[in-house]
N, C-alpha and C. Protein backbone atom coordinates (compact mmCIF):
# COMPACT_ATOMS: atom_id res chain seq x y z
N UNK A 1 0.80 -1.04 -0.07
CA UNK A 1 0.08 -0.02 -0.05
C UNK A 1 1.05 1.13 0.02
N UNK A 2 0.42 2.31 -0.85
CA UNK A 2 1.33 3.46 -0.93
C UNK A 2 0.59 4.24 0.25
N UNK A 3 1.35 4.49 1.44
CA UNK A 3 0.69 5.22 2.64
C UNK A 3 0.61 6.72 2.24
N UNK A 4 1.65 7.18 1.61
CA UNK A 4 1.31 8.70 1.21
C UNK A 4 0.29 8.96 0.47
N UNK A 5 -0.17 8.08 -0.51
CA UNK A 5 -1.33 8.30 -1.56
C UNK A 5 -2.46 8.04 -0.56
N UNK A 6 -2.52 7.03 0.11
CA UNK A 6 -3.79 6.58 1.22
C UNK A 6 -3.84 7.91 2.08
N UNK A 7 -2.92 8.45 2.81
CA UNK A 7 -2.94 9.67 3.56
C UNK A 7 -3.55 10.69 3.00
N UNK A 8 -2.99 11.04 1.61
CA UNK A 8 -3.43 12.24 0.93
C UNK A 8 -5.03 11.99 0.70
N UNK A 9 -5.26 11.02 0.03
CA UNK A 9 -6.75 10.78 -0.20
C UNK A 9 -7.63 10.95 0.92
N UNK A 10 -7.12 10.29 2.06
CA UNK A 10 -8.14 10.35 3.34
C UNK A 10 -8.25 11.80 3.83
N UNK A 11 -7.00 12.52 4.00
CA UNK A 11 -7.18 13.88 4.35
C UNK A 11 -7.87 14.82 3.33
N UNK A 12 -8.08 14.30 2.12
CA UNK A 12 -8.99 15.18 1.21
C UNK A 12 -10.38 14.99 1.53
N UNK A 13 -10.58 13.72 1.97
CA UNK A 13 -11.96 13.51 2.27
C UNK A 13 -12.32 14.03 3.71
N UNK A 14 -11.51 14.32 4.54
CA UNK A 14 -11.68 15.33 5.52
C UNK A 14 -11.97 16.73 5.15
N UNK A 15 -11.12 17.17 4.34
CA UNK A 15 -11.26 18.53 3.87
C UNK A 15 -12.70 18.83 3.08
N UNK A 16 -13.03 17.84 2.41
CA UNK A 16 -14.37 17.78 1.65
C UNK A 16 -15.47 17.70 2.66
N UNK A 17 -15.55 17.26 3.83
CA UNK A 17 -16.38 16.98 4.88
C UNK A 17 -17.35 15.91 4.24
N UNK A 18 -16.66 14.91 3.69
CA UNK A 18 -17.55 13.71 2.94
C UNK A 18 -17.76 12.81 3.90
N UNK A 19 -18.62 12.58 4.71
CA UNK A 19 -18.74 11.71 5.90
C UNK A 19 -18.94 10.26 5.30
N UNK A 20 -19.82 10.06 4.16
CA UNK A 20 -19.87 8.78 3.51
C UNK A 20 -18.47 8.24 3.07
N UNK A 21 -17.84 9.09 2.36
CA UNK A 21 -16.51 8.85 1.70
C UNK A 21 -15.58 8.55 2.77
N UNK A 22 -15.39 9.32 3.66
CA UNK A 22 -14.60 9.16 4.68
C UNK A 22 -14.64 7.86 5.67
N UNK A 23 -16.01 7.37 5.99
CA UNK A 23 -16.10 6.33 6.82
C UNK A 23 -15.69 5.12 5.80
N UNK A 24 -15.63 5.21 4.58
CA UNK A 24 -15.22 4.04 3.91
C UNK A 24 -13.75 3.69 3.88
N UNK A 25 -13.13 4.55 4.65
CA UNK A 25 -11.51 4.37 4.91
C UNK A 25 -11.45 3.62 5.98
N UNK A 26 -12.34 3.51 6.76
CA UNK A 26 -12.37 2.73 8.22
C UNK A 26 -13.18 1.38 8.26
N UNK A 27 -12.52 0.43 8.99
CA UNK A 27 -13.20 -0.86 9.09
C UNK A 27 -14.36 -0.89 9.83
N UNK A 28 -15.13 -1.71 9.68
CA UNK A 28 -16.70 -1.69 10.29
C UNK A 28 -16.49 -1.62 11.84
N UNK A 29 -15.32 -2.22 12.33
CA UNK A 29 -15.24 -2.24 13.93
C UNK A 29 -14.16 -1.20 14.23
N UNK A 30 -13.89 -0.20 13.55
CA UNK A 30 -13.01 0.83 13.71
C UNK A 30 -12.92 1.10 15.19
N UNK A 31 -11.84 1.87 15.57
CA UNK A 31 -11.88 2.38 16.89
C UNK A 31 -11.12 3.85 16.59
N UNK A 32 -11.73 4.95 16.85
CA UNK A 32 -11.47 6.30 16.45
C UNK A 32 -11.20 7.11 17.83
N UNK A 33 -10.13 7.79 18.03
CA UNK A 33 -10.11 8.57 19.29
C UNK A 33 -9.44 9.98 18.85
N UNK A 34 -10.07 11.05 19.51
CA UNK A 34 -9.53 12.52 19.20
C UNK A 34 -9.74 13.13 20.58
N UNK A 35 -9.23 14.38 20.52
CA UNK A 35 -9.28 15.17 21.95
C UNK A 35 -10.73 15.22 22.40
N UNK A 36 -11.87 15.12 21.41
CA UNK A 36 -13.23 15.39 21.82
C UNK A 36 -13.95 14.20 22.15
N UNK A 37 -13.44 12.91 21.78
CA UNK A 37 -13.92 11.64 22.14
C UNK A 37 -13.10 11.08 23.25
N UNK A 38 -13.26 11.35 24.50
CA UNK A 38 -12.29 10.96 25.43
C UNK A 38 -12.23 9.41 25.62
N UNK A 39 -13.23 8.80 25.54
CA UNK A 39 -13.36 7.31 25.51
C UNK A 39 -13.35 6.57 24.12
N UNK A 40 -13.43 7.36 23.13
CA UNK A 40 -13.06 6.88 21.71
C UNK A 40 -14.41 6.49 21.22
N UNK A 41 -14.67 6.25 20.02
CA UNK A 41 -15.84 5.70 19.29
C UNK A 41 -15.37 4.21 18.77
N UNK A 42 -16.41 3.43 18.53
CA UNK A 42 -16.21 2.27 18.11
C UNK A 42 -17.12 1.93 17.01
N UNK A 43 -16.68 1.74 15.64
CA UNK A 43 -17.52 1.35 14.43
C UNK A 43 -17.87 2.63 13.63
N UNK A 44 -18.06 2.24 12.45
CA UNK A 44 -18.53 3.08 11.30
C UNK A 44 -19.60 3.98 11.71
N UNK A 45 -20.72 3.38 12.34
CA UNK A 45 -22.17 4.31 12.30
C UNK A 45 -21.70 5.17 13.53
N UNK A 46 -21.04 5.00 14.57
CA UNK A 46 -20.68 5.89 15.52
C UNK A 46 -19.75 7.10 15.09
N UNK A 47 -18.73 6.43 14.29
CA UNK A 47 -17.91 7.46 13.72
C UNK A 47 -18.67 8.46 12.72
N UNK A 48 -19.57 7.89 11.76
CA UNK A 48 -20.17 8.92 10.93
C UNK A 48 -21.14 9.72 11.65
N UNK A 49 -21.71 9.31 12.70
CA UNK A 49 -22.67 10.29 13.47
C UNK A 49 -21.83 11.21 13.99
N UNK A 50 -20.66 10.96 14.65
CA UNK A 50 -19.80 11.97 15.18
C UNK A 50 -19.29 13.04 14.17
N UNK A 51 -18.83 12.53 12.98
CA UNK A 51 -18.25 13.41 11.74
C UNK A 51 -19.40 14.26 11.47
N UNK A 52 -20.62 13.72 11.21
CA UNK A 52 -21.64 14.72 10.82
C UNK A 52 -22.12 15.80 11.60
N UNK A 53 -21.96 15.37 13.01
CA UNK A 53 -22.18 16.68 13.96
C UNK A 53 -20.97 17.53 14.04
N UNK A 54 -19.75 17.00 14.06
CA UNK A 54 -18.56 17.93 13.74
C UNK A 54 -18.65 18.88 12.67
N UNK A 55 -18.71 18.22 11.60
CA UNK A 55 -18.78 18.90 10.24
C UNK A 55 -19.59 19.97 10.22
N UNK A 56 -20.89 19.84 10.75
CA UNK A 56 -22.04 20.71 10.75
C UNK A 56 -21.72 21.79 11.65
N UNK A 57 -20.81 21.58 12.86
CA UNK A 57 -20.54 22.69 13.51
C UNK A 57 -19.39 23.39 13.42
N UNK A 58 -18.63 23.06 12.36
CA UNK A 58 -17.12 23.69 12.27
C UNK A 58 -17.22 24.50 10.92
N UNK A 59 -16.52 25.52 10.94
CA UNK A 59 -16.08 25.99 9.46
C UNK A 59 -15.40 25.20 8.70
N UNK A 60 -15.15 25.79 7.27
CA UNK A 60 -14.39 24.94 6.32
C UNK A 60 -12.96 24.71 6.72
N UNK A 61 -12.33 23.44 6.59
CA UNK A 61 -10.99 23.28 7.11
C UNK A 61 -10.27 22.60 5.77
N UNK A 62 -9.05 22.87 5.78
CA UNK A 62 -8.23 22.23 4.72
C UNK A 62 -7.08 21.68 5.26
N UNK A 63 -6.91 20.36 5.19
CA UNK A 63 -6.11 19.39 5.66
C UNK A 63 -5.00 19.24 4.69
N UNK A 64 -3.81 19.36 5.05
CA UNK A 64 -2.61 19.40 4.05
C UNK A 64 -1.61 18.47 4.72
N UNK A 65 -1.33 17.19 3.92
CA UNK A 65 -0.41 16.34 4.58
C UNK A 65 1.11 16.89 4.59
N UNK A 66 1.83 16.43 5.62
CA UNK A 66 3.19 17.04 5.84
C UNK A 66 4.05 15.82 5.70
N UNK A 67 4.01 14.89 6.44
CA UNK A 67 4.92 13.76 6.32
C UNK A 67 4.24 12.29 7.14
N UNK A 68 4.58 11.39 6.58
CA UNK A 68 4.14 10.18 7.03
C UNK A 68 5.32 9.19 7.13
N UNK A 69 5.10 8.25 8.27
CA UNK A 69 6.01 7.41 8.44
C UNK A 69 5.53 5.86 8.66
N UNK A 70 6.02 5.07 8.02
CA UNK A 70 5.65 3.64 8.20
C UNK A 70 5.96 3.00 9.62
N UNK A 71 4.77 2.39 9.97
CA UNK A 71 5.11 1.57 11.34
C UNK A 71 4.50 0.31 11.29
N UNK A 72 5.05 -0.69 12.27
CA UNK A 72 4.58 -2.02 11.97
C UNK A 72 2.81 -2.00 11.98
N UNK A 73 2.18 -2.48 11.09
CA UNK A 73 0.96 -2.63 10.81
C UNK A 73 0.12 -1.33 10.55
N UNK A 74 0.91 -0.26 9.96
CA UNK A 74 0.27 0.96 9.63
C UNK A 74 1.12 2.33 9.57
N UNK A 75 0.81 3.48 9.85
CA UNK A 75 1.56 4.53 9.66
C UNK A 75 1.16 5.63 10.62
N UNK A 76 2.20 6.68 10.88
CA UNK A 76 1.88 7.79 11.51
C UNK A 76 1.94 8.88 10.50
N UNK A 77 1.10 9.98 10.53
CA UNK A 77 1.12 11.19 9.59
C UNK A 77 0.95 12.44 10.36
N UNK A 78 1.59 13.32 9.95
CA UNK A 78 1.66 14.54 10.44
C UNK A 78 1.10 15.54 9.27
N UNK A 79 0.33 16.38 9.69
CA UNK A 79 -0.61 17.39 8.85
C UNK A 79 -0.72 18.72 9.62
N UNK A 80 -1.07 19.58 8.56
CA UNK A 80 -1.74 20.96 9.10
C UNK A 80 -3.27 21.01 8.61
N UNK A 81 -3.92 21.81 9.46
CA UNK A 81 -5.20 22.19 9.09
C UNK A 81 -5.52 23.63 9.23
N UNK A 82 -5.75 24.26 7.98
CA UNK A 82 -6.25 25.57 8.00
C UNK A 82 -7.60 25.65 7.92
N UNK A 83 -8.10 26.67 9.23
CA UNK A 83 -9.49 26.63 9.45
C UNK A 83 -10.08 28.03 8.94
N UNK A 84 -11.04 28.06 8.25
CA UNK A 84 -11.58 29.38 7.89
C UNK A 84 -11.80 30.28 9.04
N UNK A 85 -11.24 31.45 8.82
CA UNK A 85 -11.19 32.45 9.86
C UNK A 85 -9.73 32.64 10.51
N UNK A 86 -8.78 31.80 10.13
CA UNK A 86 -7.58 32.29 10.41
C UNK A 86 -6.80 31.31 11.25
N UNK A 87 -7.44 30.29 12.03
CA UNK A 87 -6.90 29.39 12.96
C UNK A 87 -6.21 28.34 12.23
N UNK A 88 -5.07 27.72 12.82
CA UNK A 88 -4.30 26.79 12.06
C UNK A 88 -3.82 25.72 13.24
N UNK A 89 -4.09 24.31 12.89
CA UNK A 89 -3.74 23.31 13.75
C UNK A 89 -2.64 22.59 13.11
N UNK A 90 -1.81 21.88 13.85
CA UNK A 90 -1.02 20.92 13.58
C UNK A 90 -1.36 19.65 14.18
N UNK A 91 -1.67 18.62 13.39
CA UNK A 91 -2.05 17.32 13.96
C UNK A 91 -1.03 16.09 13.52
N UNK A 92 -1.49 15.06 14.34
CA UNK A 92 -0.72 13.81 14.15
C UNK A 92 -1.70 12.89 14.30
N UNK A 93 -1.59 11.71 13.26
CA UNK A 93 -2.47 10.52 13.56
C UNK A 93 -1.73 9.25 13.64
N UNK A 94 -2.01 8.41 14.59
CA UNK A 94 -1.50 7.17 14.58
C UNK A 94 -2.56 6.20 13.81
N UNK A 95 -2.14 5.70 12.86
CA UNK A 95 -3.32 4.70 11.90
C UNK A 95 -2.78 3.38 11.95
N UNK A 96 -3.48 2.46 12.35
CA UNK A 96 -3.23 1.08 12.46
C UNK A 96 -4.18 0.42 11.41
N UNK A 97 -3.63 -0.27 10.19
CA UNK A 97 -4.53 -0.78 9.17
C UNK A 97 -4.80 -2.22 9.38
N UNK A 98 -5.95 -2.68 8.69
CA UNK A 98 -6.28 -4.12 8.67
C UNK A 98 -7.01 -4.42 7.33
N UNK A 99 -6.51 -5.17 6.54
CA UNK A 99 -7.07 -5.42 5.07
C UNK A 99 -7.14 -3.90 4.53
N UNK A 100 -6.35 -3.15 4.54
CA UNK A 100 -6.37 -1.95 3.66
C UNK A 100 -7.30 -0.77 4.26
N UNK A 101 -7.88 -1.08 5.45
CA UNK A 101 -8.73 -0.03 6.08
C UNK A 101 -8.17 0.30 7.61
N UNK A 102 -8.78 1.47 7.86
CA UNK A 102 -8.23 1.98 9.25
C UNK A 102 -8.85 1.15 10.42
N UNK A 103 -8.21 0.42 11.11
CA UNK A 103 -8.74 -0.35 12.28
C UNK A 103 -8.56 0.44 13.54
N UNK A 104 -7.72 1.45 13.78
CA UNK A 104 -7.61 2.18 14.78
C UNK A 104 -6.97 3.59 14.37
N UNK A 105 -7.47 4.65 14.84
CA UNK A 105 -7.12 5.98 14.34
C UNK A 105 -6.95 6.89 15.78
N UNK A 106 -5.88 7.25 16.15
CA UNK A 106 -5.86 8.10 17.28
C UNK A 106 -5.19 9.48 16.79
N UNK A 107 -5.88 10.59 17.02
CA UNK A 107 -5.58 11.93 16.55
C UNK A 107 -5.16 12.82 17.74
N UNK A 108 -4.05 13.58 17.40
CA UNK A 108 -3.62 14.59 18.34
C UNK A 108 -3.34 15.87 17.60
N UNK A 109 -3.76 16.90 18.45
CA UNK A 109 -3.52 18.32 17.64
C UNK A 109 -3.11 19.18 18.56
N UNK A 110 -2.80 20.34 18.03
CA UNK A 110 -2.48 21.46 18.82
C UNK A 110 -2.58 22.70 17.77
N UNK A 111 -2.68 23.85 18.33
CA UNK A 111 -2.75 25.04 17.67
C UNK A 111 -1.50 25.81 17.41
N UNK A 112 -1.13 26.17 16.22
CA UNK A 112 0.02 26.86 15.69
C UNK A 112 -0.45 28.28 15.35
N UNK A 113 0.73 29.10 14.98
CA UNK A 113 0.67 30.34 14.36
C UNK A 113 0.09 30.28 12.78
N UNK A 114 -0.75 30.92 12.44
CA UNK A 114 -1.31 30.75 11.13
C UNK A 114 -0.37 31.38 10.05
């Protein structure tokens, strides 16, 4: 698998706020964790519901891949997110893959200068 291409396509789906397309990157029994989901979410349905609410409550965001590193079972990816209105995030994903789909996704973010 070309993890750079996978990561770029996946982040493009985040930028597009394409919930149906985005959840297709995830395994049916995926585990998703970010700073807003303290205990994480399990499964595509839970993830899709969360993303629908998140995307409906947030302005336009543009995700730009920075670097990816292969790790056993997946990759780590670093990115920037430019948020409409001027805010900017730096993020990092731990991604564990199973059969070409995301089985585990842990997201870490912090604000940086725009």
